[in-house]
Each structure stands twice: as structure tokens, then as C-alpha cells.
Amino acid sequence: MSDQQSATAGLIVRYVPAGYLIATFLWRVSAPAHEYPGRFSTYLEMTIDALVIAGVIALRSHVRKPLFWLAIAAGIGLFASRLNGDASWWTGHLFHSLSPR
């Protein structure tokens, strides 16, 4: 692997987890959910979110501080948004509505 490819891979490993947490949080806060996922899907989403938060914490010395703290706040927000009610617990979104048929 060349130095340029190694540097590019390093940037991807550093910034994709933080970007994932921030983008997922913004999506779940702004877009309403239309269906309840299954129990396995709900717990899988929470597990993936927790693992990505752990990954961002492990990379904290390699990520810029404002981006790190924004990603951590978004990760905490992902779990806090589930405390809004029964629909929020199962979907992870703040709002729930039935899609038109």
C-alpha cells in the first residue's frame, strides 16, 4: 500500500464513524418513522450505535476535538431520543406517523 493510500484509509477510519453518528442522529430527529421494526432490528441498531460510540472514543486523539464532542453528543442523543415514548423506543425516531396508503 502506498503512502497516499495509507493516508486516505487513515482519514476514512478517523472521520467516518463520527460522520455516521452525526448523520444518523440528524436523520432520526428530523424524519418521522412510519413502521415499527422488529425486536432484533431495534436491538441491532442500538448495538451498532454503542459500538460506533466506543470506536469514536477509541479514536479521540486522532479526531479534531469539536468533531469528537459533536459525535459524542449525537451518540448520546441517539439513545436519549429513544426515551421519548413507546414509538420512539422501537423506532429510534422522535416522531412517528403512519404512511398514507
N, C-alpha and C. Protein backbone atom coordinates (compact mmCIF):
# COMPACT_ATOMS: atom_id res chain seq x y z
N MET A 1 0.84 -1.16 0.00
CA MET A 1 0.00 0.00 0.00
C MET A 1 0.90 1.23 0.00
N SER A 2 0.59 2.19 -0.87
CA SER A 2 1.41 3.39 -0.94
C SER A 2 1.08 4.33 0.21
N ASP A 3 1.91 5.35 0.38
CA ASP A 3 1.70 6.31 1.46
C ASP A 3 0.39 7.08 1.28
N GLN A 4 0.07 7.40 0.02
CA GLN A 4 -1.16 8.14 -0.25
C GLN A 4 -2.39 7.28 0.09
N GLN A 5 -2.37 6.02 -0.28
CA GLN A 5 -3.48 5.13 0.04
C GLN A 5 -3.60 4.94 1.55
N SER A 6 -2.48 4.85 2.22
CA SER A 6 -2.49 4.69 3.67
C SER A 6 -3.07 5.94 4.35
N ALA A 7 -2.71 7.11 3.85
CA ALA A 7 -3.23 8.35 4.42
C ALA A 7 -4.73 8.47 4.19
N THR A 8 -5.19 8.07 3.01
CA THR A 8 -6.61 8.12 2.70
C THR A 8 -7.38 7.14 3.58
N ALA A 9 -6.85 5.94 3.76
CA ALA A 9 -7.50 4.95 4.63
C ALA A 9 -7.55 5.45 6.07
N GLY A 10 -6.50 6.12 6.50
CA GLY A 10 -6.47 6.67 7.85
C GLY A 10 -7.53 7.74 8.06
N LEU A 11 -7.74 8.59 7.04
CA LEU A 11 -8.78 9.61 7.14
C LEU A 11 -10.17 8.99 7.19
N ILE A 12 -10.37 7.94 6.41
CA ILE A 12 -11.67 7.27 6.41
C ILE A 12 -11.95 6.65 7.77
N VAL A 13 -10.96 5.97 8.33
CA VAL A 13 -11.14 5.32 9.63
C VAL A 13 -11.38 6.37 10.72
N ARG A 14 -10.79 7.54 10.59
CA ARG A 14 -10.95 8.56 11.62
C ARG A 14 -12.30 9.26 11.56
N TYR A 15 -12.74 9.62 10.36
CA TYR A 15 -13.89 10.52 10.26
C TYR A 15 -15.21 9.86 9.91
N VAL A 16 -15.22 8.67 9.36
CA VAL A 16 -16.49 8.02 9.01
C VAL A 16 -17.32 7.67 10.25
N PRO A 17 -16.75 7.13 11.32
CA PRO A 17 -17.60 6.84 12.50
C PRO A 17 -18.24 8.10 13.09
N ALA A 18 -17.49 9.19 13.16
CA ALA A 18 -18.06 10.44 13.67
C ALA A 18 -19.15 10.95 12.74
N GLY A 19 -18.91 10.89 11.45
CA GLY A 19 -19.91 11.32 10.48
C GLY A 19 -21.15 10.45 10.53
N TYR A 20 -20.96 9.15 10.73
CA TYR A 20 -22.10 8.22 10.85
C TYR A 20 -22.98 8.59 12.03
N LEU A 21 -22.38 8.85 13.19
CA LEU A 21 -23.17 9.19 14.37
C LEU A 21 -23.94 10.49 14.16
N ILE A 22 -23.28 11.48 13.61
CA ILE A 22 -23.93 12.78 13.42
C ILE A 22 -25.05 12.67 12.39
N ALA A 23 -24.79 12.01 11.27
CA ALA A 23 -25.80 11.88 10.22
C ALA A 23 -26.99 11.04 10.69
N THR A 24 -26.73 9.98 11.42
CA THR A 24 -27.81 9.13 11.93
C THR A 24 -28.67 9.89 12.92
N PHE A 25 -28.04 10.65 13.80
CA PHE A 25 -28.79 11.44 14.76
C PHE A 25 -29.67 12.47 14.05
N LEU A 26 -29.12 13.19 13.09
CA LEU A 26 -29.90 14.18 12.36
C LEU A 26 -31.06 13.54 11.61
N TRP A 27 -30.84 12.36 11.03
CA TRP A 27 -31.89 11.66 10.32
C TRP A 27 -33.02 11.24 11.26
N ARG A 28 -32.66 10.68 12.39
CA ARG A 28 -33.69 10.18 13.31
C ARG A 28 -34.44 11.30 14.02
N VAL A 29 -33.83 12.46 14.12
CA VAL A 29 -34.52 13.60 14.74
C VAL A 29 -35.42 14.30 13.73
N SER A 30 -35.02 14.37 12.49
CA SER A 30 -35.77 15.16 11.51
C SER A 30 -36.80 14.37 10.71
N ALA A 31 -36.62 13.09 10.52
CA ALA A 31 -37.53 12.30 9.69
C ALA A 31 -38.44 11.44 10.58
N PRO A 32 -39.75 11.44 10.31
CA PRO A 32 -40.63 10.58 11.10
C PRO A 32 -40.51 9.13 10.67
N ALA A 33 -40.71 8.25 11.62
CA ALA A 33 -40.72 6.82 11.32
C ALA A 33 -42.13 6.43 10.89
N HIS A 34 -42.23 5.46 10.00
CA HIS A 34 -43.54 5.05 9.50
C HIS A 34 -43.92 3.64 9.93
N GLU A 35 -42.96 2.83 10.31
CA GLU A 35 -43.23 1.46 10.73
C GLU A 35 -42.37 1.11 11.93
N TYR A 36 -42.84 0.19 12.74
CA TYR A 36 -42.03 -0.33 13.82
C TYR A 36 -41.15 -1.44 13.26
N PRO A 37 -39.85 -1.37 13.50
CA PRO A 37 -39.02 -2.51 13.09
C PRO A 37 -39.19 -3.66 14.07
N GLY A 38 -38.68 -4.79 13.74
CA GLY A 38 -38.74 -5.93 14.64
C GLY A 38 -37.83 -5.74 15.84
N ARG A 39 -38.01 -6.59 16.81
CA ARG A 39 -37.22 -6.51 18.04
C ARG A 39 -35.73 -6.68 17.76
N PHE A 40 -35.38 -7.64 16.89
CA PHE A 40 -33.98 -7.88 16.57
C PHE A 40 -33.36 -6.66 15.91
N SER A 41 -34.09 -6.05 15.00
CA SER A 41 -33.59 -4.86 14.31
C SER A 41 -33.36 -3.70 15.27
N THR A 42 -34.27 -3.53 16.21
CA THR A 42 -34.13 -2.45 17.19
C THR A 42 -32.88 -2.64 18.04
N TYR A 43 -32.70 -3.84 18.55
CA TYR A 43 -31.53 -4.09 19.39
C TYR A 43 -30.23 -4.10 18.58
N LEU A 44 -30.29 -4.49 17.33
CA LEU A 44 -29.11 -4.43 16.47
C LEU A 44 -28.70 -2.99 16.22
N GLU A 45 -29.67 -2.10 15.97
CA GLU A 45 -29.36 -0.68 15.79
C GLU A 45 -28.70 -0.10 17.03
N MET A 46 -29.24 -0.44 18.21
CA MET A 46 -28.66 0.09 19.45
C MET A 46 -27.26 -0.46 19.67
N THR A 47 -27.02 -1.71 19.33
CA THR A 47 -25.69 -2.30 19.47
C THR A 47 -24.70 -1.64 18.54
N ILE A 48 -25.10 -1.42 17.29
CA ILE A 48 -24.21 -0.76 16.33
C ILE A 48 -23.90 0.66 16.79
N ASP A 49 -24.92 1.38 17.26
CA ASP A 49 -24.68 2.74 17.76
C ASP A 49 -23.70 2.75 18.93
N ALA A 50 -23.87 1.81 19.86
CA ALA A 50 -22.96 1.74 21.00
C ALA A 50 -21.53 1.40 20.57
N LEU A 51 -21.40 0.49 19.61
CA LEU A 51 -20.05 0.14 19.13
C LEU A 51 -19.39 1.30 18.39
N VAL A 52 -20.16 2.06 17.64
CA VAL A 52 -19.58 3.21 16.94
C VAL A 52 -19.18 4.29 17.95
N ILE A 53 -19.98 4.49 18.98
CA ILE A 53 -19.60 5.43 20.04
C ILE A 53 -18.29 4.99 20.68
N ALA A 54 -18.16 3.71 20.96
CA ALA A 54 -16.91 3.19 21.54
C ALA A 54 -15.75 3.39 20.58
N GLY A 55 -15.99 3.22 19.28
CA GLY A 55 -14.94 3.45 18.29
C GLY A 55 -14.51 4.90 18.22
N VAL A 56 -15.46 5.82 18.32
CA VAL A 56 -15.12 7.25 18.31
C VAL A 56 -14.33 7.60 19.56
N ILE A 57 -14.70 7.03 20.69
CA ILE A 57 -13.95 7.27 21.92
C ILE A 57 -12.53 6.72 21.80
N ALA A 58 -12.39 5.56 21.16
CA ALA A 58 -11.05 4.98 20.99
C ALA A 58 -10.19 5.83 20.06
N LEU A 59 -10.81 6.54 19.13
CA LEU A 59 -10.07 7.38 18.18
C LEU A 59 -10.00 8.84 18.59
N ARG A 60 -10.32 9.16 19.84
CA ARG A 60 -10.44 10.55 20.26
C ARG A 60 -9.17 11.36 20.07
N SER A 61 -8.02 10.75 20.14
CA SER A 61 -6.78 11.51 19.97
C SER A 61 -6.46 11.79 18.50
N HIS A 62 -7.15 11.12 17.60
CA HIS A 62 -6.90 11.30 16.17
C HIS A 62 -7.95 12.14 15.47
N VAL A 63 -9.02 12.49 16.17
CA VAL A 63 -10.11 13.27 15.60
C VAL A 63 -10.07 14.66 16.22
N ARG A 64 -10.43 15.67 15.43
CA ARG A 64 -10.45 17.02 15.97
C ARG A 64 -11.45 17.11 17.12
N LYS A 65 -11.10 17.90 18.11
CA LYS A 65 -11.89 17.96 19.36
C LYS A 65 -13.34 18.39 19.13
N PRO A 66 -13.63 19.45 18.33
CA PRO A 66 -15.05 19.81 18.15
C PRO A 66 -15.85 18.69 17.48
N LEU A 67 -15.25 18.01 16.51
CA LEU A 67 -15.93 16.92 15.84
C LEU A 67 -16.13 15.74 16.79
N PHE A 68 -15.15 15.48 17.63
CA PHE A 68 -15.28 14.41 18.61
C PHE A 68 -16.44 14.67 19.56
N TRP A 69 -16.51 15.88 20.11
CA TRP A 69 -17.57 16.17 21.07
C TRP A 69 -18.94 16.23 20.40
N LEU A 70 -18.99 16.69 19.17
CA LEU A 70 -20.25 16.69 18.43
C LEU A 70 -20.72 15.26 18.17
N ALA A 71 -19.80 14.37 17.83
CA ALA A 71 -20.15 12.96 17.61
C ALA A 71 -20.59 12.29 18.90
N ILE A 72 -19.94 12.59 20.00
CA ILE A 72 -20.34 12.01 21.29
C ILE A 72 -21.73 12.52 21.69
N ALA A 73 -21.98 13.81 21.49
CA ALA A 73 -23.31 14.36 21.80
C ALA A 73 -24.38 13.72 20.92
N ALA A 74 -24.06 13.50 19.64
CA ALA A 74 -25.01 12.85 18.74
C ALA A 74 -25.25 11.41 19.17
N GLY A 75 -24.22 10.72 19.59
CA GLY A 75 -24.37 9.34 20.06
C GLY A 75 -25.23 9.24 21.30
N ILE A 76 -25.01 10.15 22.23
CA ILE A 76 -25.86 10.18 23.43
C ILE A 76 -27.28 10.54 23.04
N GLY A 77 -27.43 11.45 22.09
CA GLY A 77 -28.75 11.84 21.61
C GLY A 77 -29.50 10.70 20.95
N LEU A 78 -28.77 9.79 20.30
CA LEU A 78 -29.41 8.63 19.69
C LEU A 78 -30.11 7.77 20.73
N PHE A 79 -29.46 7.62 21.87
CA PHE A 79 -30.07 6.82 22.94
C PHE A 79 -31.10 7.64 23.72
N ALA A 80 -30.88 8.94 23.89
CA ALA A 80 -31.82 9.78 24.61
C ALA A 80 -33.13 9.92 23.84
N SER A 81 -33.07 9.93 22.52
CA SER A 81 -34.30 10.06 21.73
C SER A 81 -35.21 8.84 21.88
N ARG A 82 -34.66 7.73 22.28
CA ARG A 82 -35.47 6.52 22.48
C ARG A 82 -36.31 6.60 23.76
N LEU A 83 -36.04 7.57 24.61
CA LEU A 83 -36.78 7.71 25.87
C LEU A 83 -38.00 8.59 25.73
N ASN A 84 -38.36 8.99 24.50
CA ASN A 84 -39.46 9.90 24.25
C ASN A 84 -40.82 9.22 24.30
N GLY A 85 -40.86 7.93 24.28
CA GLY A 85 -42.13 7.21 24.32
C GLY A 85 -41.97 5.83 23.70
N ASP A 86 -43.08 5.11 23.63
CA ASP A 86 -43.03 3.74 23.12
C ASP A 86 -42.63 3.70 21.65
N ALA A 87 -43.20 4.59 20.83
CA ALA A 87 -42.85 4.62 19.41
C ALA A 87 -41.39 5.00 19.22
N SER A 88 -40.92 5.94 20.01
CA SER A 88 -39.51 6.35 19.90
C SER A 88 -38.57 5.24 20.36
N TRP A 89 -38.98 4.47 21.35
CA TRP A 89 -38.13 3.38 21.81
C TRP A 89 -37.89 2.37 20.70
N TRP A 90 -38.94 2.00 20.00
CA TRP A 90 -38.80 0.96 18.99
C TRP A 90 -38.24 1.47 17.67
N THR A 91 -38.48 2.72 17.32
CA THR A 91 -38.02 3.22 16.03
C THR A 91 -36.72 4.00 16.12
N GLY A 92 -36.48 4.65 17.24
CA GLY A 92 -35.30 5.49 17.37
C GLY A 92 -35.52 6.90 16.84
N HIS A 93 -36.68 7.15 16.27
CA HIS A 93 -37.01 8.48 15.74
C HIS A 93 -37.83 9.24 16.77
N LEU A 94 -37.78 10.57 16.71
CA LEU A 94 -38.56 11.36 17.63
C LEU A 94 -40.04 11.35 17.29
N PHE A 95 -40.35 11.26 16.00
CA PHE A 95 -41.74 11.33 15.55
C PHE A 95 -42.13 10.04 14.85
N HIS A 96 -43.39 9.70 14.99
CA HIS A 96 -43.91 8.51 14.34
C HIS A 96 -45.24 8.85 13.68
N SER A 97 -45.41 8.46 12.44
CA SER A 97 -46.69 8.67 11.76
C SER A 97 -46.91 7.51 10.80
N LEU A 98 -48.17 7.21 10.56
CA LEU A 98 -48.49 6.16 9.61
C LEU A 98 -48.39 6.71 8.20
N SER A 99 -47.79 5.97 7.31
CA SER A 99 -47.66 6.44 5.94
C SER A 99 -49.01 6.34 5.23
N PRO A 100 -49.27 7.28 4.32
CA PRO A 100 -50.55 7.23 3.60
C PRO A 100 -50.61 6.03 2.68
N ARG A 101 -51.80 5.49 2.52
CA ARG A 101 -51.97 4.31 1.66
C ARG A 101 -52.84 4.64 0.50
